[in-house]
């Protein structure tokens, strides 16, 4: 996995991830991704109230969007490879979520029509994440997409 972006790349994913889930490219598994992230934020960080609850809500929303994008990309290209969700707390406090899939193509921020029911996931990530990016997994298809969230000031790191 290579969580880099064109400018100012973040540190590489430390092993092992604080939490991970590998699942088939099936929309029913997106709910499991949301539950894993919510439980992990509250368990790993002992989120009692307030700022970490808000972080958990944002992490769950963006995880849902990123996992859905991976499932949809796999479906559109008939890619049967499993998708993997990784989460890690960085030393300086941010939460980074990675979603790795085997589908070709790269994620991008789209501008859907006002009445469109889909196409806003990357917009949400671009607005709510402190950082995000992707990299290709080698010469073949597949990519690793990541986003990072910063705990609010005063929240336990």
N, C-alpha and C. Protein backbone atom coordinates (compact mmCIF):
# COMPACT_ATOMS: atom_id res chain seq x y z
N UNK A 1 0.86 -1.18 0.00
CA UNK A 1 0.00 0.00 0.00
C UNK A 1 0.89 1.23 0.00
N UNK A 2 0.52 2.20 -0.80
CA UNK A 2 1.34 3.40 -0.89
C UNK A 2 0.46 4.64 -0.78
N UNK A 3 0.21 5.11 0.41
CA UNK A 3 -0.69 6.25 0.59
C UNK A 3 -0.02 7.58 0.30
N UNK A 4 0.24 7.85 -0.97
CA UNK A 4 0.91 9.10 -1.31
C UNK A 4 0.02 9.96 -2.20
N UNK A 5 0.34 11.21 -2.26
CA UNK A 5 -0.32 12.16 -3.14
C UNK A 5 0.76 12.95 -3.84
N UNK A 6 0.44 13.69 -4.89
CA UNK A 6 1.48 14.37 -5.65
C UNK A 6 2.36 15.31 -4.80
N UNK A 7 1.77 16.06 -3.90
CA UNK A 7 2.56 16.99 -3.10
C UNK A 7 2.41 16.66 -1.63
N UNK A 8 3.49 16.81 -0.89
CA UNK A 8 3.47 16.64 0.56
C UNK A 8 2.93 15.27 0.98
N UNK A 9 3.58 14.17 0.58
CA UNK A 9 3.05 12.86 0.91
C UNK A 9 3.08 12.58 2.41
N UNK A 10 2.05 11.89 2.91
CA UNK A 10 2.04 11.51 4.32
C UNK A 10 2.98 10.33 4.55
N UNK A 11 3.29 10.04 5.80
CA UNK A 11 4.14 8.88 6.09
C UNK A 11 3.46 7.59 5.61
N UNK A 12 4.25 6.58 5.33
CA UNK A 12 3.70 5.30 4.89
C UNK A 12 2.89 4.65 6.00
N UNK A 13 1.96 3.81 5.60
CA UNK A 13 1.14 3.07 6.54
C UNK A 13 2.04 2.23 7.43
N UNK A 14 1.87 2.38 8.72
CA UNK A 14 2.65 1.57 9.64
C UNK A 14 1.96 0.23 9.80
N UNK A 15 2.72 -0.81 9.98
CA UNK A 15 2.13 -2.14 10.12
C UNK A 15 2.21 -2.54 11.57
N UNK A 16 1.25 -3.20 12.13
CA UNK A 16 -0.02 -3.48 11.49
C UNK A 16 -0.97 -2.29 11.62
N UNK A 17 -2.02 -2.27 10.81
CA UNK A 17 -3.04 -1.23 10.93
C UNK A 17 -3.75 -1.40 12.26
N UNK A 18 -4.29 -0.32 12.80
CA UNK A 18 -5.04 -0.41 14.04
C UNK A 18 -6.31 -1.23 13.86
N UNK A 19 -6.87 -1.21 12.65
CA UNK A 19 -7.99 -2.09 12.33
C UNK A 19 -8.02 -2.31 10.83
N UNK A 20 -8.59 -3.44 10.41
CA UNK A 20 -8.63 -3.78 8.99
C UNK A 20 -9.80 -4.73 8.75
N UNK A 21 -10.29 -4.70 7.52
CA UNK A 21 -11.37 -5.58 7.09
C UNK A 21 -11.20 -5.82 5.60
N UNK A 22 -11.15 -7.09 5.20
CA UNK A 22 -11.13 -7.45 3.79
C UNK A 22 -12.49 -8.04 3.47
N UNK A 23 -13.09 -7.56 2.37
CA UNK A 23 -14.47 -7.95 2.05
C UNK A 23 -14.66 -8.03 0.54
N UNK A 24 -15.67 -8.79 0.10
CA UNK A 24 -15.94 -8.88 -1.34
C UNK A 24 -16.52 -7.57 -1.86
N UNK A 25 -16.41 -7.31 -3.14
CA UNK A 25 -16.96 -6.07 -3.71
C UNK A 25 -18.48 -6.13 -3.82
N UNK A 26 -19.11 -6.12 -2.67
CA UNK A 26 -20.56 -6.24 -2.57
C UNK A 26 -21.07 -5.08 -1.71
N UNK A 27 -22.08 -4.33 -2.18
CA UNK A 27 -22.56 -3.17 -1.42
C UNK A 27 -23.02 -3.49 0.00
N UNK A 28 -23.43 -4.70 0.25
CA UNK A 28 -23.89 -5.07 1.59
C UNK A 28 -22.77 -4.93 2.63
N UNK A 29 -21.51 -4.98 2.21
CA UNK A 29 -20.38 -4.91 3.12
C UNK A 29 -20.03 -3.48 3.54
N UNK A 30 -20.58 -2.49 2.88
CA UNK A 30 -20.28 -1.11 3.26
C UNK A 30 -20.77 -0.83 4.67
N UNK A 31 -21.89 -1.42 5.06
CA UNK A 31 -22.40 -1.26 6.43
C UNK A 31 -21.38 -1.80 7.44
N UNK A 32 -20.77 -2.94 7.14
CA UNK A 32 -19.76 -3.50 8.05
C UNK A 32 -18.56 -2.56 8.17
N UNK A 33 -18.19 -1.89 7.07
CA UNK A 33 -17.10 -0.91 7.11
C UNK A 33 -17.44 0.23 8.05
N UNK A 34 -18.67 0.75 7.92
CA UNK A 34 -19.09 1.85 8.81
C UNK A 34 -19.06 1.42 10.26
N UNK A 35 -19.58 0.24 10.55
CA UNK A 35 -19.62 -0.25 11.94
C UNK A 35 -18.21 -0.46 12.49
N UNK A 36 -17.31 -0.98 11.66
CA UNK A 36 -15.93 -1.19 12.11
C UNK A 36 -15.27 0.14 12.47
N UNK A 37 -15.44 1.15 11.62
CA UNK A 37 -14.80 2.44 11.88
C UNK A 37 -15.40 3.08 13.13
N UNK A 38 -16.71 3.09 13.26
CA UNK A 38 -17.34 3.69 14.44
C UNK A 38 -16.86 2.98 15.71
N UNK A 39 -16.90 1.67 15.73
CA UNK A 39 -16.46 0.91 16.90
C UNK A 39 -14.99 1.15 17.20
N UNK A 40 -14.17 1.19 16.17
CA UNK A 40 -12.74 1.38 16.37
C UNK A 40 -12.42 2.75 16.95
N UNK A 41 -13.06 3.79 16.43
CA UNK A 41 -12.80 5.13 16.97
C UNK A 41 -13.19 5.18 18.44
N UNK A 42 -14.34 4.62 18.77
CA UNK A 42 -14.80 4.68 20.17
C UNK A 42 -14.01 3.74 21.08
N UNK A 43 -13.54 2.62 20.56
CA UNK A 43 -12.80 1.68 21.38
C UNK A 43 -11.34 2.07 21.52
N UNK A 44 -10.70 2.32 20.38
CA UNK A 44 -9.27 2.62 20.40
C UNK A 44 -9.01 3.94 21.11
N UNK A 45 -9.85 4.91 20.90
CA UNK A 45 -9.63 6.22 21.48
C UNK A 45 -10.46 6.48 22.72
N UNK A 46 -11.26 5.51 23.13
CA UNK A 46 -12.09 5.68 24.32
C UNK A 46 -12.88 6.98 24.23
N UNK A 47 -13.54 7.19 23.09
CA UNK A 47 -14.27 8.43 22.84
C UNK A 47 -15.48 8.52 23.76
N UNK A 48 -15.38 9.35 24.75
CA UNK A 48 -16.46 9.49 25.71
C UNK A 48 -17.56 10.41 25.19
N UNK A 49 -17.20 11.51 24.60
CA UNK A 49 -18.21 12.47 24.14
C UNK A 49 -17.57 13.54 23.29
N UNK A 50 -18.41 14.36 22.73
CA UNK A 50 -17.97 15.59 22.08
C UNK A 50 -17.12 15.42 20.86
N UNK A 51 -15.87 15.88 20.93
CA UNK A 51 -15.03 16.02 19.76
C UNK A 51 -14.74 14.69 19.06
N UNK A 52 -14.51 13.62 19.82
CA UNK A 52 -14.25 12.34 19.17
C UNK A 52 -15.53 11.73 18.61
N UNK A 53 -16.67 12.06 19.18
CA UNK A 53 -17.93 11.59 18.60
C UNK A 53 -18.12 12.22 17.21
N UNK A 54 -17.79 13.51 17.11
CA UNK A 54 -17.87 14.20 15.81
C UNK A 54 -16.87 13.59 14.83
N UNK A 55 -15.66 13.29 15.30
CA UNK A 55 -14.66 12.64 14.46
C UNK A 55 -15.18 11.29 13.98
N UNK A 56 -15.78 10.53 14.87
CA UNK A 56 -16.32 9.22 14.50
C UNK A 56 -17.40 9.36 13.44
N UNK A 57 -18.31 10.32 13.62
CA UNK A 57 -19.38 10.52 12.64
C UNK A 57 -18.81 10.87 11.27
N UNK A 58 -17.82 11.75 11.22
CA UNK A 58 -17.21 12.13 9.95
C UNK A 58 -16.46 10.95 9.35
N UNK A 59 -15.72 10.22 10.17
CA UNK A 59 -14.97 9.05 9.68
C UNK A 59 -15.92 8.00 9.10
N UNK A 60 -17.05 7.78 9.76
CA UNK A 60 -18.03 6.81 9.28
C UNK A 60 -18.61 7.25 7.93
N UNK A 61 -18.98 8.53 7.82
CA UNK A 61 -19.52 9.05 6.57
C UNK A 61 -18.52 8.90 5.42
N UNK A 62 -17.28 9.34 5.65
CA UNK A 62 -16.29 9.29 4.58
C UNK A 62 -15.87 7.86 4.25
N UNK A 63 -15.84 7.00 5.25
CA UNK A 63 -15.56 5.58 5.00
C UNK A 63 -16.65 4.99 4.12
N UNK A 64 -17.89 5.32 4.42
CA UNK A 64 -19.01 4.82 3.62
C UNK A 64 -18.85 5.25 2.16
N UNK A 65 -18.48 6.51 1.95
CA UNK A 65 -18.32 7.02 0.59
C UNK A 65 -17.14 6.33 -0.12
N UNK A 66 -16.01 6.21 0.56
CA UNK A 66 -14.83 5.59 -0.05
C UNK A 66 -15.06 4.11 -0.34
N UNK A 67 -15.68 3.39 0.60
CA UNK A 67 -15.96 1.97 0.38
C UNK A 67 -16.98 1.78 -0.74
N UNK A 68 -17.99 2.64 -0.78
CA UNK A 68 -18.98 2.56 -1.86
C UNK A 68 -18.32 2.82 -3.21
N UNK A 69 -17.43 3.80 -3.27
CA UNK A 69 -16.71 4.07 -4.52
C UNK A 69 -15.92 2.84 -4.97
N UNK A 70 -15.26 2.16 -4.04
CA UNK A 70 -14.48 0.97 -4.38
C UNK A 70 -15.39 -0.16 -4.86
N UNK A 71 -16.52 -0.35 -4.18
CA UNK A 71 -17.48 -1.38 -4.59
C UNK A 71 -18.01 -1.06 -5.98
N UNK A 72 -18.39 0.20 -6.22
CA UNK A 72 -18.92 0.59 -7.52
C UNK A 72 -17.89 0.44 -8.63
N UNK A 73 -16.65 0.84 -8.36
CA UNK A 73 -15.58 0.70 -9.36
C UNK A 73 -15.37 -0.78 -9.70
N UNK A 74 -15.42 -1.62 -8.69
CA UNK A 74 -15.26 -3.06 -8.92
C UNK A 74 -16.42 -3.61 -9.74
N UNK A 75 -17.63 -3.17 -9.43
CA UNK A 75 -18.81 -3.64 -10.17
C UNK A 75 -18.76 -3.18 -11.63
N UNK A 76 -18.40 -1.93 -11.85
CA UNK A 76 -18.36 -1.39 -13.22
C UNK A 76 -17.35 -2.09 -14.10
N UNK A 77 -16.29 -2.60 -13.49
CA UNK A 77 -15.22 -3.25 -14.25
C UNK A 77 -15.22 -4.77 -14.08
N UNK A 78 -16.24 -5.30 -13.40
CA UNK A 78 -16.34 -6.74 -13.12
C UNK A 78 -15.09 -7.28 -12.43
N UNK A 79 -14.51 -6.48 -11.56
CA UNK A 79 -13.32 -6.88 -10.81
C UNK A 79 -13.75 -7.69 -9.58
N UNK A 80 -13.35 -8.96 -9.51
CA UNK A 80 -13.76 -9.79 -8.38
C UNK A 80 -12.83 -9.70 -7.17
N UNK A 81 -11.69 -8.99 -7.30
CA UNK A 81 -10.72 -8.94 -6.20
C UNK A 81 -11.35 -8.32 -4.96
N UNK A 82 -11.01 -8.85 -3.79
CA UNK A 82 -11.54 -8.27 -2.55
C UNK A 82 -11.05 -6.84 -2.33
N UNK A 83 -11.80 -6.12 -1.54
CA UNK A 83 -11.47 -4.75 -1.14
C UNK A 83 -10.98 -4.82 0.30
N UNK A 84 -10.00 -4.01 0.64
CA UNK A 84 -9.50 -3.99 2.01
C UNK A 84 -9.60 -2.58 2.57
N UNK A 85 -10.14 -2.49 3.77
CA UNK A 85 -10.22 -1.24 4.52
C UNK A 85 -9.19 -1.32 5.64
N UNK A 86 -8.34 -0.31 5.75
CA UNK A 86 -7.37 -0.21 6.84
C UNK A 86 -7.61 1.10 7.58
N UNK A 87 -7.39 1.09 8.86
CA UNK A 87 -7.44 2.32 9.63
C UNK A 87 -6.27 2.38 10.57
N UNK A 88 -5.73 3.58 10.74
CA UNK A 88 -4.60 3.74 11.65
C UNK A 88 -4.62 5.12 12.28
N UNK A 89 -4.20 5.14 13.55
CA UNK A 89 -4.00 6.41 14.25
C UNK A 89 -2.54 6.75 14.11
N UNK A 90 -2.24 7.90 13.55
CA UNK A 90 -0.87 8.32 13.39
C UNK A 90 -0.32 8.84 14.71
N UNK A 91 0.99 8.85 14.83
CA UNK A 91 1.65 9.23 16.08
C UNK A 91 1.21 10.61 16.55
N UNK A 92 1.04 11.54 15.62
CA UNK A 92 0.70 12.90 16.01
C UNK A 92 -0.80 13.14 16.14
N UNK A 93 -1.63 12.07 16.10
CA UNK A 93 -3.05 12.20 16.40
C UNK A 93 -4.06 11.98 15.31
N UNK A 94 -3.75 12.24 14.01
CA UNK A 94 -4.77 12.06 12.98
C UNK A 94 -5.17 10.60 12.77
N UNK A 95 -6.37 10.41 12.30
CA UNK A 95 -6.88 9.11 11.89
C UNK A 95 -6.78 9.04 10.38
N UNK A 96 -6.17 7.98 9.87
CA UNK A 96 -6.10 7.78 8.42
C UNK A 96 -6.81 6.49 8.06
N UNK A 97 -7.70 6.57 7.08
CA UNK A 97 -8.44 5.42 6.57
C UNK A 97 -7.97 5.17 5.14
N UNK A 98 -7.68 3.90 4.83
CA UNK A 98 -7.26 3.48 3.49
C UNK A 98 -8.31 2.51 2.95
N UNK A 99 -8.62 2.62 1.67
CA UNK A 99 -9.48 1.65 1.00
C UNK A 99 -8.73 1.21 -0.26
N UNK A 100 -8.46 -0.08 -0.34
CA UNK A 100 -7.68 -0.62 -1.45
C UNK A 100 -8.58 -1.54 -2.26
N UNK A 101 -8.61 -1.33 -3.59
CA UNK A 101 -9.41 -2.21 -4.46
C UNK A 101 -8.59 -2.59 -5.68
N UNK A 102 -9.07 -3.57 -6.43
CA UNK A 102 -8.36 -4.06 -7.60
C UNK A 102 -8.88 -3.51 -8.91
N UNK A 103 -9.82 -2.59 -8.87
CA UNK A 103 -10.42 -2.05 -10.09
C UNK A 103 -9.50 -1.03 -10.75
N UNK A 104 -9.53 -0.96 -12.09
CA UNK A 104 -8.77 0.09 -12.77
C UNK A 104 -9.43 1.45 -12.56
N UNK A 105 -8.74 2.49 -12.95
CA UNK A 105 -9.28 3.84 -12.82
C UNK A 105 -8.83 4.49 -11.53
N UNK A 106 -9.03 5.79 -11.45
CA UNK A 106 -8.64 6.54 -10.27
C UNK A 106 -9.82 7.38 -9.78
N UNK A 107 -9.87 7.63 -8.48
CA UNK A 107 -10.96 8.47 -7.95
C UNK A 107 -10.75 9.93 -8.32
N UNK A 108 -11.83 10.64 -8.51
CA UNK A 108 -11.75 12.07 -8.82
C UNK A 108 -13.00 12.77 -8.30
N UNK A 109 -12.86 14.06 -8.04
CA UNK A 109 -13.98 14.87 -7.58
C UNK A 109 -14.80 15.25 -8.80
N UNK A 110 -16.08 14.90 -8.78
CA UNK A 110 -16.98 15.16 -9.90
C UNK A 110 -17.92 16.31 -9.52
N UNK A 111 -18.58 16.86 -10.50
CA UNK A 111 -19.60 17.88 -10.27
C UNK A 111 -20.90 17.38 -10.88
N UNK A 112 -21.67 16.61 -10.12
CA UNK A 112 -22.92 16.06 -10.67
C UNK A 112 -23.99 17.14 -10.80
N UNK A 113 -24.98 16.86 -11.62
CA UNK A 113 -26.11 17.77 -11.75
C UNK A 113 -26.82 17.89 -10.41
N UNK A 114 -27.49 19.01 -10.19
CA UNK A 114 -28.18 19.25 -8.92
C UNK A 114 -29.16 18.13 -8.57
N UNK A 115 -29.84 17.59 -9.57
CA UNK A 115 -30.85 16.56 -9.31
C UNK A 115 -30.27 15.14 -9.28
N UNK A 116 -28.98 14.99 -9.53
CA UNK A 116 -28.35 13.66 -9.52
C UNK A 116 -28.39 13.05 -8.13
N UNK A 117 -28.60 11.75 -8.07
CA UNK A 117 -28.65 11.04 -6.79
C UNK A 117 -27.30 10.46 -6.38
N UNK A 118 -26.32 10.49 -7.26
CA UNK A 118 -25.01 9.92 -6.99
C UNK A 118 -23.92 10.90 -7.43
N UNK A 119 -22.69 10.62 -7.02
CA UNK A 119 -21.57 11.40 -7.51
C UNK A 119 -21.03 12.46 -6.58
N UNK A 120 -21.46 12.46 -5.33
CA UNK A 120 -21.00 13.49 -4.39
C UNK A 120 -20.03 12.98 -3.33
N UNK A 121 -19.70 11.70 -3.37
CA UNK A 121 -18.84 11.12 -2.35
C UNK A 121 -17.47 11.76 -2.28
N UNK A 122 -16.82 11.94 -3.43
CA UNK A 122 -15.50 12.56 -3.43
C UNK A 122 -15.58 14.04 -3.05
N UNK A 123 -16.70 14.70 -3.36
CA UNK A 123 -16.87 16.09 -2.92
C UNK A 123 -16.89 16.15 -1.40
N UNK A 124 -17.62 15.23 -0.77
CA UNK A 124 -17.67 15.19 0.70
C UNK A 124 -16.28 14.95 1.28
N UNK A 125 -15.55 14.01 0.70
CA UNK A 125 -14.21 13.71 1.19
C UNK A 125 -13.31 14.93 1.03
N UNK A 126 -13.38 15.60 -0.12
CA UNK A 126 -12.55 16.77 -0.37
C UNK A 126 -12.85 17.90 0.62
N UNK A 127 -14.10 18.02 1.02
CA UNK A 127 -14.51 19.09 1.94
C UNK A 127 -14.18 18.74 3.39
N UNK A 128 -14.46 17.50 3.81
CA UNK A 128 -14.39 17.15 5.23
C UNK A 128 -13.05 16.57 5.68
N UNK A 129 -12.29 15.95 4.79
CA UNK A 129 -11.01 15.36 5.18
C UNK A 129 -9.94 16.45 5.24
N UNK A 130 -9.00 16.30 6.16
CA UNK A 130 -7.90 17.25 6.21
C UNK A 130 -6.92 17.01 5.07
N UNK A 131 -6.83 15.76 4.62
CA UNK A 131 -5.98 15.37 3.49
C UNK A 131 -6.59 14.13 2.86
N UNK A 132 -6.33 13.92 1.57
CA UNK A 132 -6.72 12.68 0.91
C UNK A 132 -5.87 12.49 -0.32
N UNK A 133 -5.84 11.28 -0.83
CA UNK A 133 -5.05 10.99 -2.03
C UNK A 133 -5.20 9.54 -2.41
N UNK A 134 -4.44 9.12 -3.40
CA UNK A 134 -4.46 7.75 -3.85
C UNK A 134 -3.14 7.43 -4.51
N UNK A 135 -2.90 6.15 -4.74
CA UNK A 135 -1.80 5.72 -5.58
C UNK A 135 -2.20 4.43 -6.27
N UNK A 136 -1.56 4.18 -7.38
CA UNK A 136 -1.80 2.94 -8.11
C UNK A 136 -1.00 1.84 -7.45
N UNK A 137 -1.52 0.62 -7.49
CA UNK A 137 -0.89 -0.50 -6.80
C UNK A 137 0.15 -1.23 -7.63
N UNK A 138 0.68 -0.63 -8.64
CA UNK A 138 1.69 -1.27 -9.48
C UNK A 138 1.34 -1.11 -10.94
N UNK A 139 1.93 -1.93 -11.78
CA UNK A 139 1.70 -1.76 -13.21
C UNK A 139 0.30 -2.21 -13.66
N UNK A 140 -0.37 -3.03 -12.89
CA UNK A 140 -1.70 -3.50 -13.26
C UNK A 140 -2.79 -2.63 -12.66
N UNK A 141 -4.03 -3.10 -12.73
CA UNK A 141 -5.13 -2.33 -12.15
C UNK A 141 -5.06 -2.34 -10.63
N UNK A 142 -5.82 -1.48 -10.03
CA UNK A 142 -5.89 -1.41 -8.57
C UNK A 142 -5.31 -0.13 -8.05
N UNK A 143 -5.84 0.28 -6.90
CA UNK A 143 -5.40 1.53 -6.29
C UNK A 143 -5.63 1.47 -4.80
N UNK A 144 -4.95 2.36 -4.12
CA UNK A 144 -5.16 2.56 -2.69
C UNK A 144 -5.58 4.01 -2.51
N UNK A 145 -6.76 4.22 -1.96
CA UNK A 145 -7.27 5.55 -1.70
C UNK A 145 -7.23 5.77 -0.20
N UNK A 146 -6.89 6.97 0.24
CA UNK A 146 -6.84 7.24 1.67
C UNK A 146 -7.38 8.63 1.95
N UNK A 147 -7.85 8.81 3.17
CA UNK A 147 -8.19 10.14 3.66
C UNK A 147 -7.78 10.22 5.11
N UNK A 148 -7.58 11.43 5.57
CA UNK A 148 -7.09 11.66 6.93
C UNK A 148 -7.99 12.67 7.62
N UNK A 149 -8.26 12.44 8.90
CA UNK A 149 -9.05 13.34 9.72
C UNK A 149 -8.25 13.72 10.96
N UNK A 150 -8.32 14.97 11.31
CA UNK A 150 -7.60 15.47 12.49
C UNK A 150 -8.58 15.53 13.67
N UNK A 151 -8.19 15.04 14.85
CA UNK A 151 -9.04 15.24 16.02
C UNK A 151 -9.15 16.72 16.33
N UNK A 152 -10.28 17.15 16.82
CA UNK A 152 -10.47 18.55 17.19
C UNK A 152 -9.53 18.91 18.33
N UNK A 153 -9.20 20.17 18.43
CA UNK A 153 -8.34 20.64 19.53
C UNK A 153 -8.98 20.27 20.87
N UNK A 154 -8.17 19.76 21.76
CA UNK A 154 -8.66 19.38 23.08
C UNK A 154 -9.10 17.93 23.16
N UNK A 155 -9.17 17.25 22.02
CA UNK A 155 -9.55 15.84 22.03
C UNK A 155 -8.33 15.01 22.38
N UNK A 156 -8.51 13.89 23.09
CA UNK A 156 -7.37 13.04 23.39
C UNK A 156 -6.77 12.47 22.12
N UNK A 157 -5.46 12.44 22.02
CA UNK A 157 -4.80 11.91 20.82
C UNK A 157 -4.51 10.45 20.98
